[in-house]
PDB file of N, CA and C in Angstrom:
ATOM      1  N   MET A   1      18.131  -4.386 -10.455  1.00  0.00           N
ATOM      2  CA  MET A   1      18.698  -4.936  -9.213  1.00  0.00           C
ATOM      3  C   MET A   1      19.030  -4.086  -8.040  1.00  0.00           C
ATOM      4  N   VAL A   2      20.192  -2.979  -8.605  1.00  0.00           N
ATOM      5  CA  VAL A   2      21.008  -3.448  -7.783  1.00  0.00           C
ATOM      6  C   VAL A   2      20.583  -1.907  -7.276  1.00  0.00           C
ATOM      7  N   SER A   3      19.899  -1.265  -7.544  1.00  0.00           N
ATOM      8  CA  SER A   3      18.617  -0.457  -7.364  1.00  0.00           C
ATOM      9  C   SER A   3      18.131  -0.802  -5.539  1.00  0.00           C
ATOM     10  N   LYS A   4      16.915  -2.235  -6.341  1.00  0.00           N
ATOM     11  CA  LYS A   4      17.360  -2.906  -5.019  1.00  0.00           C
ATOM     12  C   LYS A   4      17.955  -3.327  -3.411  1.00  0.00           C
ATOM     13  N   LEU A   5      19.011  -3.975  -4.124  1.00  0.00           N
ATOM     14  CA  LEU A   5      20.524  -3.839  -3.129  1.00  0.00           C
ATOM     15  C   LEU A   5      20.593  -2.379  -2.091  1.00  0.00           C
ATOM     16  N   LEU A   6      20.705  -1.563  -3.211  1.00  0.00           N
ATOM     17  CA  LEU A   6      20.986  -0.523  -2.353  1.00  0.00           C
ATOM     18  C   LEU A   6      19.528   0.710  -1.152  1.00  0.00           C
ATOM     19  N   ASP A   7      18.406  -0.270  -1.967  1.00  0.00           N
ATOM     20  CA  ASP A   7      17.004   0.447  -1.018  1.00  0.00           C
ATOM     21  C   ASP A   7      17.195  -0.745   0.441  1.00  0.00           C
ATOM     22  N   MET A   8      17.970  -2.075  -0.146  1.00  0.00           N
ATOM     23  CA  MET A   8      17.917  -3.279   1.144  1.00  0.00           C
ATOM     24  C   MET A   8      19.137  -2.399   2.371  1.00  0.00           C
ATOM     25  N   PHE A   9      20.396  -1.755   1.726  1.00  0.00           N
ATOM     26  CA  PHE A   9      21.151  -1.419   1.885  1.00  0.00           C
ATOM     27  C   PHE A   9      20.707  -0.053   3.659  1.00  0.00           C
ATOM     28  N   ARG A  10      20.011   0.449   2.954  1.00  0.00           N
ATOM     29  CA  ARG A  10      19.189   2.404   2.927  1.00  0.00           C
ATOM     30  C   ARG A  10      18.817   1.549   3.747  1.00  0.00           C
ATOM     31  N   GLY A  11      18.128   0.866   4.332  1.00  0.00           N
ATOM     32  CA  GLY A  11      16.320   0.646   4.726  1.00  0.00           C
ATOM     33  C   GLY A  11      14.970   0.577   4.280  1.00  0.00           C
ATOM     34  N   SER A  12      14.920   1.325   3.024  1.00  0.00           N
ATOM     35  CA  SER A  12      13.656   1.741   2.663  1.00  0.00           C
ATOM     36  C   SER A  12      13.194   0.656   1.874  1.00  0.00           C
ATOM     37  N   SER A  13      12.154   0.421   2.327  1.00  0.00           N
ATOM     38  CA  SER A  13      11.252  -1.135   1.615  1.00  0.00           C
ATOM     39  C   SER A  13       9.857  -0.684   1.453  1.00  0.00           C
ATOM     40  N   THR A  14       8.970  -1.467  -0.034  1.00  0.00           N
ATOM     41  CA  THR A  14       7.943  -1.299   0.158  1.00  0.00           C
ATOM     42  C   THR A  14       7.279  -2.311   0.325  1.00  0.00           C
ATOM     43  N   ALA A  15       5.423  -1.978  -0.173  1.00  0.00           N
ATOM     44  CA  ALA A  15       4.656  -3.122   0.421  1.00  0.00           C
ATOM     45  C   ALA A  15       3.503  -2.515  -1.301  1.00  0.00           C
ATOM     46  N   THR A  16       2.516  -3.903  -0.881  1.00  0.00           N
ATOM     47  CA  THR A  16       1.696  -3.102  -1.844  1.00  0.00           C
ATOM     48  C   THR A  16       0.132  -3.164  -1.963  1.00  0.00           C
ATOM     49  N   ASP A  17      -0.090  -1.447  -2.349  1.00  0.00           N
ATOM     50  CA  ASP A  17      -0.987  -1.248  -2.530  1.00  0.00           C
ATOM     51  C   ASP A  17      -2.394  -2.196  -2.192  1.00  0.00           C
ATOM     52  N   PRO A  18      -3.328  -2.534  -0.961  1.00  0.00           N
ATOM     53  CA  PRO A  18      -4.182  -2.852  -0.501  1.00  0.00           C
ATOM     54  C   PRO A  18      -5.408  -3.122  -1.957  1.00  0.00           C
ATOM     55  N   VAL A  19      -4.975  -1.663  -2.911  1.00  0.00           N
ATOM     56  CA  VAL A  19      -7.288  -1.779  -3.121  1.00  0.00           C
ATOM     57  C   VAL A  19      -7.032  -1.309  -4.531  1.00  0.00           C
ATOM     58  N   CYS A  20      -4.880  -1.353  -5.734  1.00  0.00           N
ATOM     59  CA  CYS A  20      -4.579  -1.399  -6.992  1.00  0.00           C
ATOM     60  C   CYS A  20      -3.319  -2.562  -7.039  1.00  0.00           C
ATOM     61  N   GLY A  21      -2.547  -2.358  -5.953  1.00  0.00           N
ATOM     62  CA  GLY A  21      -1.529  -3.832  -6.277  1.00  0.00           C
ATOM     63  C   GLY A  21      -0.246  -3.374  -6.630  1.00  0.00           C
ATOM     64  N   MET A  22      -0.098  -1.649  -6.273  1.00  0.00           N
ATOM     65  CA  MET A  22       1.130  -1.271  -6.450  1.00  0.00           C
ATOM     66  C   MET A  22       1.788  -1.207  -5.739  1.00  0.00           C
ATOM     67  N   ASP A  23       3.298  -1.028  -5.800  1.00  0.00           N
ATOM     68  CA  ASP A  23       4.890  -0.998  -5.010  1.00  0.00           C
ATOM     69  C   ASP A  23       4.331   0.504  -4.436  1.00  0.00           C
ATOM     70  N   VAL A  24       4.742   0.221  -3.249  1.00  0.00           N
ATOM     71  CA  VAL A  24       4.641   1.893  -2.657  1.00  0.00           C
ATOM     72  C   VAL A  24       5.285   1.717  -2.283  1.00  0.00           C
ATOM     73  N   ASP A  25       6.571   2.540  -1.461  1.00  0.00           N
ATOM     74  CA  ASP A  25       7.346   2.991  -0.940  1.00  0.00           C
ATOM     75  C   ASP A  25       6.919   3.590   0.520  1.00  0.00           C
ATOM     76  N   THR A  26       6.990   2.437   1.529  1.00  0.00           N
ATOM     77  CA  THR A  26       6.423   2.970   3.586  1.00  0.00           C
ATOM     78  C   THR A  26       7.686   3.575   3.337  1.00  0.00           C
ATOM     79  N   LYS A  27       8.219   4.152   3.533  1.00  0.00           N
ATOM     80  CA  LYS A  27       9.140   5.535   3.989  1.00  0.00           C
ATOM     81  C   LYS A  27       7.969   6.634   2.981  1.00  0.00           C
ATOM     82  N   ASN A  28       7.432   6.328   2.208  1.00  0.00           N
ATOM     83  CA  ASN A  28       7.022   8.249   1.142  1.00  0.00           C
ATOM     84  C   ASN A  28       5.854   7.619   0.405  1.00  0.00           C
ATOM     85  N   PRO A  29       4.924   7.254   1.478  1.00  0.00           N
ATOM     86  CA  PRO A  29       4.237   6.787   0.687  1.00  0.00           C
ATOM     87  C   PRO A  29       2.879   7.702   0.066  1.00  0.00           C
ATOM     88  N   GLY A  30       2.720   7.469  -1.302  1.00  0.00           N
ATOM     89  CA  GLY A  30       1.848   8.907  -1.878  1.00  0.00           C
ATOM     90  C   GLY A  30       0.406   9.326  -1.528  1.00  0.00           C
ATOM     91  N   GLY A  31       0.175   8.242  -0.935  1.00  0.00           N
ATOM     92  CA  GLY A  31      -1.164   8.289  -0.605  1.00  0.00           C
ATOM     93  C   GLY A  31      -1.413   8.087   0.994  1.00  0.00           C
ATOM     94  N   GLY A  32      -0.266   8.079   1.720  1.00  0.00           N
ATOM     95  CA  GLY A  32      -0.297   8.175   3.021  1.00  0.00           C
ATOM     96  C   GLY A  32      -0.766   6.224   3.840  1.00  0.00           C
ATOM     97  N   THR A  33      -1.394   6.715   4.634  1.00  0.00           N
ATOM     98  CA  THR A  33      -1.653   4.756   5.575  1.00  0.00           C
ATOM     99  C   THR A  33      -2.959   4.450   6.182  1.00  0.00           C
ATOM    100  N   HIS A  34      -3.294   4.115   6.744  1.00  0.00           N
ATOM    101  CA  HIS A  34      -4.496   3.437   7.217  1.00  0.00           C
ATOM    102  C   HIS A  34      -4.725   1.765   8.110  1.00  0.00           C
ATOM    103  N   ASP A  35      -4.741   2.563   9.336  1.00  0.00           N
ATOM    104  CA  ASP A  35      -4.525   0.934  10.106  1.00  0.00           C
ATOM    105  C   ASP A  35      -4.946   0.083  10.299  1.00  0.00           C
ATOM    106  N   HIS A  36      -5.447  -0.726  10.401  1.00  0.00           N
ATOM    107  CA  HIS A  36      -6.494  -1.646  10.269  1.00  0.00           C
ATOM    108  C   HIS A  36      -6.035  -2.630  11.471  1.00  0.00           C
ATOM    109  N   GLU A  37      -7.146  -2.932  12.154  1.00  0.00           N
ATOM    110  CA  GLU A  37      -6.938  -4.078  13.104  1.00  0.00           C
ATOM    111  C   GLU A  37      -5.601  -4.530  13.245  1.00  0.00           C
ATOM    112  N   GLY A  38      -4.643  -3.708  13.680  1.00  0.00           N
ATOM    113  CA  GLY A  38      -3.274  -3.852  14.243  1.00  0.00           C
ATOM    114  C   GLY A  38      -2.701  -3.575  12.864  1.00  0.00           C
ATOM    115  N   THR A  39      -2.830  -3.244  11.487  1.00  0.00           N
ATOM    116  CA  THR A  39      -2.127  -3.428  10.470  1.00  0.00           C
ATOM    117  C   THR A  39      -2.355  -2.264   9.733  1.00  0.00           C
ATOM    118  N   THR A  40      -0.808  -1.489   9.521  1.00  0.00           N
ATOM    119  CA  THR A  40      -0.472  -0.339   8.629  1.00  0.00           C
ATOM    120  C   THR A  40      -0.794  -0.420   7.109  1.00  0.00           C
ATOM    121  N   TYR A  41      -1.005  -0.368   6.656  1.00  0.00           N
ATOM    122  CA  TYR A  41      -1.418  -0.399   5.461  1.00  0.00           C
ATOM    123  C   TYR A  41      -0.699   0.757   3.620  1.00  0.00           C
ATOM    124  N   TYR A  42      -0.285   0.286   3.113  1.00  0.00           N
ATOM    125  CA  TYR A  42       0.377   2.096   2.784  1.00  0.00           C
ATOM    126  C   TYR A  42      -0.326   1.688   1.472  1.00  0.00           C
ATOM    127  N   PHE A  43      -0.573   3.050   0.644  1.00  0.00           N
ATOM    128  CA  PHE A  43      -1.257   3.503  -0.422  1.00  0.00           C
ATOM    129  C   PHE A  43      -0.102   4.129  -1.078  1.00  0.00           C
ATOM    130  N   CYS A  44      -1.243   4.335  -2.891  1.00  0.00           N
ATOM    131  CA  CYS A  44      -0.131   4.797  -3.699  1.00  0.00           C
ATOM    132  C   CYS A  44      -0.701   6.649  -3.837  1.00  0.00           C
ATOM    133  N   GLY A  45      -2.395   6.875  -3.784  1.00  0.00           N
ATOM    134  CA  GLY A  45      -2.296   7.719  -4.320  1.00  0.00           C
ATOM    135  C   GLY A  45      -3.923   7.545  -2.740  1.00  0.00           C
ATOM    136  N   THR A  46      -4.307   9.049  -2.613  1.00  0.00           N
ATOM    137  CA  THR A  46      -5.535   9.156  -1.197  1.00  0.00           C
ATOM    138  C   THR A  46      -6.723   8.798  -1.308  1.00  0.00           C
ATOM    139  N   GLY A  47      -6.487   8.846  -3.300  1.00  0.00           N
ATOM    140  CA  GLY A  47      -8.248   7.984  -3.663  1.00  0.00           C
ATOM    141  C   GLY A  47      -8.629   5.725  -3.027  1.00  0.00           C
ATOM    142  N   CYS A  48      -6.978   5.375  -3.647  1.00  0.00           N
ATOM    143  CA  CYS A  48      -7.013   4.135  -2.711  1.00  0.00           C
ATOM    144  C   CYS A  48      -6.992   4.323  -1.832  1.00  0.00           C
ATOM    145  N   ARG A  49      -6.372   5.596  -0.752  1.00  0.00           N
ATOM    146  CA  ARG A  49      -6.607   4.931   0.704  1.00  0.00           C
ATOM    147  C   ARG A  49      -7.986   5.347   0.812  1.00  0.00           C
ATOM    148  N   LEU A  50      -8.573   6.464   1.063  1.00  0.00           N
ATOM    149  CA  LEU A  50     -10.428   6.506   0.711  1.00  0.00           C
ATOM    150  C   LEU A  50     -11.356   5.713   0.796  1.00  0.00           C
ATOM    151  N   GLU A  51     -10.691   4.238  -0.451  1.00  0.00           N
ATOM    152  CA  GLU A  51     -11.399   3.661  -1.295  1.00  0.00           C
ATOM    153  C   GLU A  51     -11.142   2.389   0.258  1.00  0.00           C
ATOM    154  N   PHE A  52     -10.750   2.248   0.765  1.00  0.00           N
ATOM    155  CA  PHE A  52      -9.615   1.200   1.024  1.00  0.00           C
ATOM    156  C   PHE A  52     -10.377   1.474   2.923  1.00  0.00           C
ATOM    157  N   ALA A  53     -10.410   3.127   2.704  1.00  0.00           N
ATOM    158  CA  ALA A  53     -10.973   3.404   4.468  1.00  0.00           C
ATOM    159  C   ALA A  53     -12.319   3.081   4.835  1.00  0.00           C
ATOM    160  N   GLU A  54     -13.311   2.676   3.813  1.00  0.00           N
ATOM    161  CA  GLU A  54     -14.236   2.652   3.349  1.00  0.00           C
ATOM    162  C   GLU A  54     -15.149   1.308   3.387  1.00  0.00           C
ATOM    163  N   ASP A  55     -14.402   0.067   3.688  1.00  0.00           N
ATOM    164  CA  ASP A  55     -14.688  -1.024   2.713  1.00  0.00           C
ATOM    165  C   ASP A  55     -13.925  -2.454   3.309  1.00  0.00           C
ATOM    166  N   ALA A  56     -12.893  -1.754   3.913  1.00  0.00           N
ATOM    167  CA  ALA A  56     -11.094  -3.084   4.256  1.00  0.00           C
ATOM    168  C   ALA A  56     -11.376  -3.986   4.094  1.00  0.00           C
ATOM    169  N   GLN A  57     -12.372  -5.023   4.483  1.00  0.00           N
ATOM    170  CA  GLN A  57     -12.281  -5.797   4.963  1.00  0.00           C
ATOM    171  C   GLN A  57     -12.698  -6.810   3.388  1.00  0.00           C
ATOM    172  N   GLY A  58     -13.538  -5.509   2.272  1.00  0.00           N
ATOM    173  CA  GLY A  58     -13.876  -6.247   0.974  1.00  0.00           C
ATOM    174  C   GLY A  58     -12.555  -6.632  -0.013  1.00  0.00           C
ATOM    175  N   TYR A  59     -11.470  -5.332   0.385  1.00  0.00           N
ATOM    176  CA  TYR A  59      -9.786  -5.628  -0.005  1.00  0.00           C
ATOM    177  C   TYR A  59      -9.269  -6.524   0.536  1.00  0.00           C
ATOM    178  N   LEU A  60      -9.461  -7.030   1.510  1.00  0.00           N
ATOM    179  CA  LEU A  60      -8.309  -7.539   2.050  1.00  0.00           C
ATOM    180  C   LEU A  60      -9.146  -8.630   2.122  1.00  0.00           C
ATOM    181  N   SER A  61     -10.648  -9.511   1.531  1.00  0.00           N
ATOM    182  CA  SER A  61      -9.940 -10.356   1.347  1.00  0.00           C
ATOM    183  C   SER A  61     -10.196 -10.611   0.059  1.00  0.00           C
ATOM    184  N   GLY A  62     -10.304 -10.083  -0.248  1.00  0.00           N
ATOM    185  CA  GLY A  62     -10.381  -9.923  -1.909  1.00  0.00           C
ATOM    186  C   GLY A  62     -11.737 -10.336  -2.818  1.00  0.00           C
ATOM    187  N   GLU A  63     -12.974  -9.434  -2.184  1.00  0.00           N
ATOM    188  CA  GLU A  63     -14.106  -9.347  -2.340  1.00  0.00           C
ATOM    189  C   GLU A  63     -14.221  -8.139  -3.535  1.00  0.00           C
ATOM    190  N   LYS A  64     -13.071  -7.759  -3.145  1.00  0.00           N
ATOM    191  CA  LYS A  64     -13.407  -6.180  -4.032  1.00  0.00           C
ATOM    192  C   LYS A  64     -12.414  -6.219  -4.712  1.00  0.00           C
ATOM    193  N   LYS A  65     -11.932  -4.978  -5.806  1.00  0.00           N
ATOM    194  CA  LYS A  65     -10.489  -4.594  -7.071  1.00  0.00           C
ATOM    195  C   LYS A  65     -11.424  -3.569  -7.865  1.00  0.00           C
ATOM    196  N   MET A  66      -9.803  -2.756  -6.819  1.00  0.00           N
ATOM    197  CA  MET A  66      -9.751  -2.133  -8.946  1.00  0.00           C
ATOM    198  C   MET A  66      -9.941  -2.069  -9.430  1.00  0.00           C
ATOM    199  N   GLU A  67     -10.751  -1.352 -11.062  1.00  0.00           N
ATOM    200  CA  GLU A  67     -10.445  -1.614 -12.082  1.00  0.00           C
ATOM    201  C   GLU A  67     -10.362  -0.716 -12.284  1.00  0.00           C
ATOM    202  N   MET A  68      -8.483  -0.897 -13.082  1.00  0.00           N
ATOM    203  CA  MET A  68      -7.317   0.143 -14.004  1.00  0.00           C
ATOM    204  C   MET A  68      -8.164  -0.060 -15.127  1.00  0.00           C
TER     205      MET A  68
END
């Protein structure tokens, strides 16, 4: 909890990778970012970013999910 509070004060934030559901640091996303219809999405790894780029609507609609 303390680390979350410190992150808030430092301006650090996270986003959820739309492919695998992992939390991703928006200031340093391991898999980079992808812009889709005016929204920036953040990824834990390159594989998730490439999967999303191939079928963004499938992941955003929930039709597609990565099985881990």
